[in-house]
Amino acid sequence: MLAITMTQGWMIGIIAFMAVFGICAGVFSALGKKRK
């Protein structure tokens, strides 16, 4: 049970990190286009 919970938490953490990174990259790209 503990191993499964840790694995799920790790997966959720990676997905959340990638989602936040993608959003930040998208916003940064949009701001860069607006500046140019």
PDB file of N, CA and C in Angstrom:
ATOM      1  N   MET A   1       0.851  -1.206   0.000  1.00  0.00           N
ATOM      2  CA  MET A   1       0.000   0.000   0.000  1.00  0.00           C
ATOM      3  C   MET A   1       0.883   1.251   0.000  1.00  0.00           C
ATOM      4  N   LEU A   2       1.901   1.278   0.863  1.00  0.00           N
ATOM      5  CA  LEU A   2       2.765   2.459   0.964  1.00  0.00           C
ATOM      6  C   LEU A   2       3.507   2.696  -0.352  1.00  0.00           C
ATOM      7  N   ALA A   3       4.001   1.595  -0.956  1.00  0.00           N
ATOM      8  CA  ALA A   3       4.742   1.725  -2.215  1.00  0.00           C
ATOM      9  C   ALA A   3       3.824   2.286  -3.307  1.00  0.00           C
ATOM     10  N   ILE A   4       2.586   1.784  -3.354  1.00  0.00           N
ATOM     11  CA  ILE A   4       1.635   2.257  -4.371  1.00  0.00           C
ATOM     12  C   ILE A   4       1.342   3.740  -4.147  1.00  0.00           C
ATOM     13  N   THR A   5       1.137   4.116  -2.885  1.00  0.00           N
ATOM     14  CA  THR A   5       0.825   5.515  -2.583  1.00  0.00           C
ATOM     15  C   THR A   5       1.990   6.411  -2.983  1.00  0.00           C
ATOM     16  N   MET A   6       3.212   5.984  -2.685  1.00  0.00           N
ATOM     17  CA  MET A   6       4.397   6.783  -3.029  1.00  0.00           C
ATOM     18  C   MET A   6       4.535   6.903  -4.542  1.00  0.00           C
ATOM     19  N   THR A   7       4.273   5.800  -5.251  1.00  0.00           N
ATOM     20  CA  THR A   7       4.373   5.826  -6.716  1.00  0.00           C
ATOM     21  C   THR A   7       3.345   6.781  -7.297  1.00  0.00           C
ATOM     22  N   GLN A   8       2.115   6.709  -6.801  1.00  0.00           N
ATOM     23  CA  GLN A   8       1.057   7.598  -7.302  1.00  0.00           C
ATOM     24  C   GLN A   8       1.413   9.049  -7.004  1.00  0.00           C
ATOM     25  N   GLY A   9       1.918   9.307  -5.815  1.00  0.00           N
ATOM     26  CA  GLY A   9       2.297  10.672  -5.433  1.00  0.00           C
ATOM     27  C   GLY A   9       3.410  11.181  -6.333  1.00  0.00           C
ATOM     28  N   TRP A  10       4.389  10.319  -6.634  1.00  0.00           N
ATOM     29  CA  TRP A  10       5.508  10.700  -7.510  1.00  0.00           C
ATOM     30  C   TRP A  10       4.983  11.023  -8.905  1.00  0.00           C
ATOM     31  N   MET A  11       4.068  10.172  -9.418  1.00  0.00           N
ATOM     32  CA  MET A  11       3.491  10.394 -10.753  1.00  0.00           C
ATOM     33  C   MET A  11       2.735  11.714 -10.782  1.00  0.00           C
ATOM     34  N   ILE A  12       1.902  11.957  -9.762  1.00  0.00           N
ATOM     35  CA  ILE A  12       1.120  13.198  -9.692  1.00  0.00           C
ATOM     36  C   ILE A  12       2.067  14.395  -9.614  1.00  0.00           C
ATOM     37  N   GLY A  13       3.125  14.261  -8.837  1.00  0.00           N
ATOM     38  CA  GLY A  13       4.088  15.358  -8.693  1.00  0.00           C
ATOM     39  C   GLY A  13       4.751  15.685 -10.026  1.00  0.00           C
ATOM     40  N   ILE A  14       5.152  14.646 -10.768  1.00  0.00           N
ATOM     41  CA  ILE A  14       5.801  14.865 -12.072  1.00  0.00           C
ATOM     42  C   ILE A  14       4.815  15.518 -13.040  1.00  0.00           C
ATOM     43  N   ILE A  15       3.575  15.005 -13.088  1.00  0.00           N
ATOM     44  CA  ILE A  15       2.558  15.555 -13.993  1.00  0.00           C
ATOM     45  C   ILE A  15       2.288  17.012 -13.643  1.00  0.00           C
ATOM     46  N   ALA A  16       2.136  17.305 -12.350  1.00  0.00           N
ATOM     47  CA  ALA A  16       1.858  18.683 -11.917  1.00  0.00           C
ATOM     48  C   ALA A  16       3.034  19.588 -12.278  1.00  0.00           C
ATOM     49  N   PHE A  17       4.268  19.116 -12.056  1.00  0.00           N
ATOM     50  CA  PHE A  17       5.462  19.915 -12.369  1.00  0.00           C
ATOM     51  C   PHE A  17       5.520  20.217 -13.864  1.00  0.00           C
ATOM     52  N   MET A  18       5.261  19.192 -14.696  1.00  0.00           N
ATOM     53  CA  MET A  18       5.289  19.388 -16.150  1.00  0.00           C
ATOM     54  C   MET A  18       4.188  20.344 -16.582  1.00  0.00           C
ATOM     55  N   ALA A  19       3.002  20.237 -15.965  1.00  0.00           N
ATOM     56  CA  ALA A  19       1.888  21.117 -16.317  1.00  0.00           C
ATOM     57  C   ALA A  19       2.241  22.562 -15.991  1.00  0.00           C
ATOM     58  N   VAL A  20       2.775  22.795 -14.795  1.00  0.00           N
ATOM     59  CA  VAL A  20       3.147  24.160 -14.389  1.00  0.00           C
ATOM     60  C   VAL A  20       4.248  24.688 -15.302  1.00  0.00           C
ATOM     61  N   PHE A  21       5.242  23.842 -15.600  1.00  0.00           N
ATOM     62  CA  PHE A  21       6.344  24.257 -16.476  1.00  0.00           C
ATOM     63  C   PHE A  21       5.805  24.614 -17.860  1.00  0.00           C
ATOM     64  N   GLY A  22       4.869  23.815 -18.374  1.00  0.00           N
ATOM     65  CA  GLY A  22       4.281  24.082 -19.693  1.00  0.00           C
ATOM     66  C   GLY A  22       3.510  25.392 -19.697  1.00  0.00           C
ATOM     67  N   ILE A  23       2.741  25.649 -18.639  1.00  0.00           N
ATOM     68  CA  ILE A  23       1.964  26.891 -18.549  1.00  0.00           C
ATOM     69  C   ILE A  23       2.916  28.084 -18.504  1.00  0.00           C
ATOM     70  N   CYS A  24       3.961  27.987 -17.682  1.00  0.00           N
ATOM     71  CA  CYS A  24       4.935  29.090 -17.571  1.00  0.00           C
ATOM     72  C   CYS A  24       5.599  29.323 -18.921  1.00  0.00           C
ATOM     73  N   ALA A  25       5.956  28.259 -19.628  1.00  0.00           N
ATOM     74  CA  ALA A  25       6.596  28.393 -20.940  1.00  0.00           C
ATOM     75  C   ALA A  25       5.638  29.062 -21.920  1.00  0.00           C
ATOM     76  N   GLY A  26       4.365  28.679 -21.876  1.00  0.00           N
ATOM     77  CA  GLY A  26       3.368  29.276 -22.771  1.00  0.00           C
ATOM     78  C   GLY A  26       3.184  30.756 -22.487  1.00  0.00           C
ATOM     79  N   VAL A  27       3.096  31.120 -21.214  1.00  0.00           N
ATOM     80  CA  VAL A  27       2.922  32.530 -20.836  1.00  0.00           C
ATOM     81  C   VAL A  27       4.155  33.326 -21.242  1.00  0.00           C
ATOM     82  N   PHE A  28       5.339  32.776 -20.980  1.00  0.00           N
ATOM     83  CA  PHE A  28       6.592  33.461 -21.329  1.00  0.00           C
ATOM     84  C   PHE A  28       6.669  33.676 -22.841  1.00  0.00           C
ATOM     85  N   SER A  29       6.268  32.651 -23.611  1.00  0.00           N
ATOM     86  CA  SER A  29       6.287  32.759 -25.073  1.00  0.00           C
ATOM     87  C   SER A  29       5.299  33.831 -25.538  1.00  0.00           C
ATOM     88  N   ALA A  30       4.108  33.860 -24.936  1.00  0.00           N
ATOM     89  CA  ALA A  30       3.096  34.854 -25.315  1.00  0.00           C
ATOM     90  C   ALA A  30       3.604  36.261 -25.014  1.00  0.00           C
ATOM     91  N   LEU A  31       4.221  36.444 -23.850  1.00  0.00           N
ATOM     92  CA  LEU A  31       4.741  37.771 -23.486  1.00  0.00           C
ATOM     93  C   LEU A  31       5.856  38.169 -24.449  1.00  0.00           C
ATOM     94  N   GLY A  32       6.699  37.213 -24.824  1.00  0.00           N
ATOM     95  CA  GLY A  32       7.790  37.499 -25.752  1.00  0.00           C
ATOM     96  C   GLY A  32       7.243  37.946 -27.099  1.00  0.00           C
ATOM     97  N   LYS A  33       6.178  37.288 -27.578  1.00  0.00           N
ATOM     98  CA  LYS A  33       5.578  37.668 -28.862  1.00  0.00           C
ATOM     99  C   LYS A  33       4.955  39.056 -28.766  1.00  0.00           C
ATOM    100  N   LYS A  34       4.316  39.364 -27.638  1.00  0.00           N
ATOM    101  CA  LYS A  34       3.682  40.677 -27.477  1.00  0.00           C
ATOM    102  C   LYS A  34       4.740  41.781 -27.470  1.00  0.00           C
ATOM    103  N   ARG A  35       5.875  41.527 -26.812  1.00  0.00           N
ATOM    104  CA  ARG A  35       6.940  42.534 -26.752  1.00  0.00           C
ATOM    105  C   ARG A  35       7.481  42.813 -28.147  1.00  0.00           C
ATOM    106  N   LYS A  36       7.674  41.748 -28.938  1.00  0.00           N
ATOM    107  CA  LYS A  36       8.206  41.929 -30.298  1.00  0.00           C
ATOM    108  C   LYS A  36       7.109  42.496 -31.201  1.00  0.00           C
TER     109      LYS A  36
END
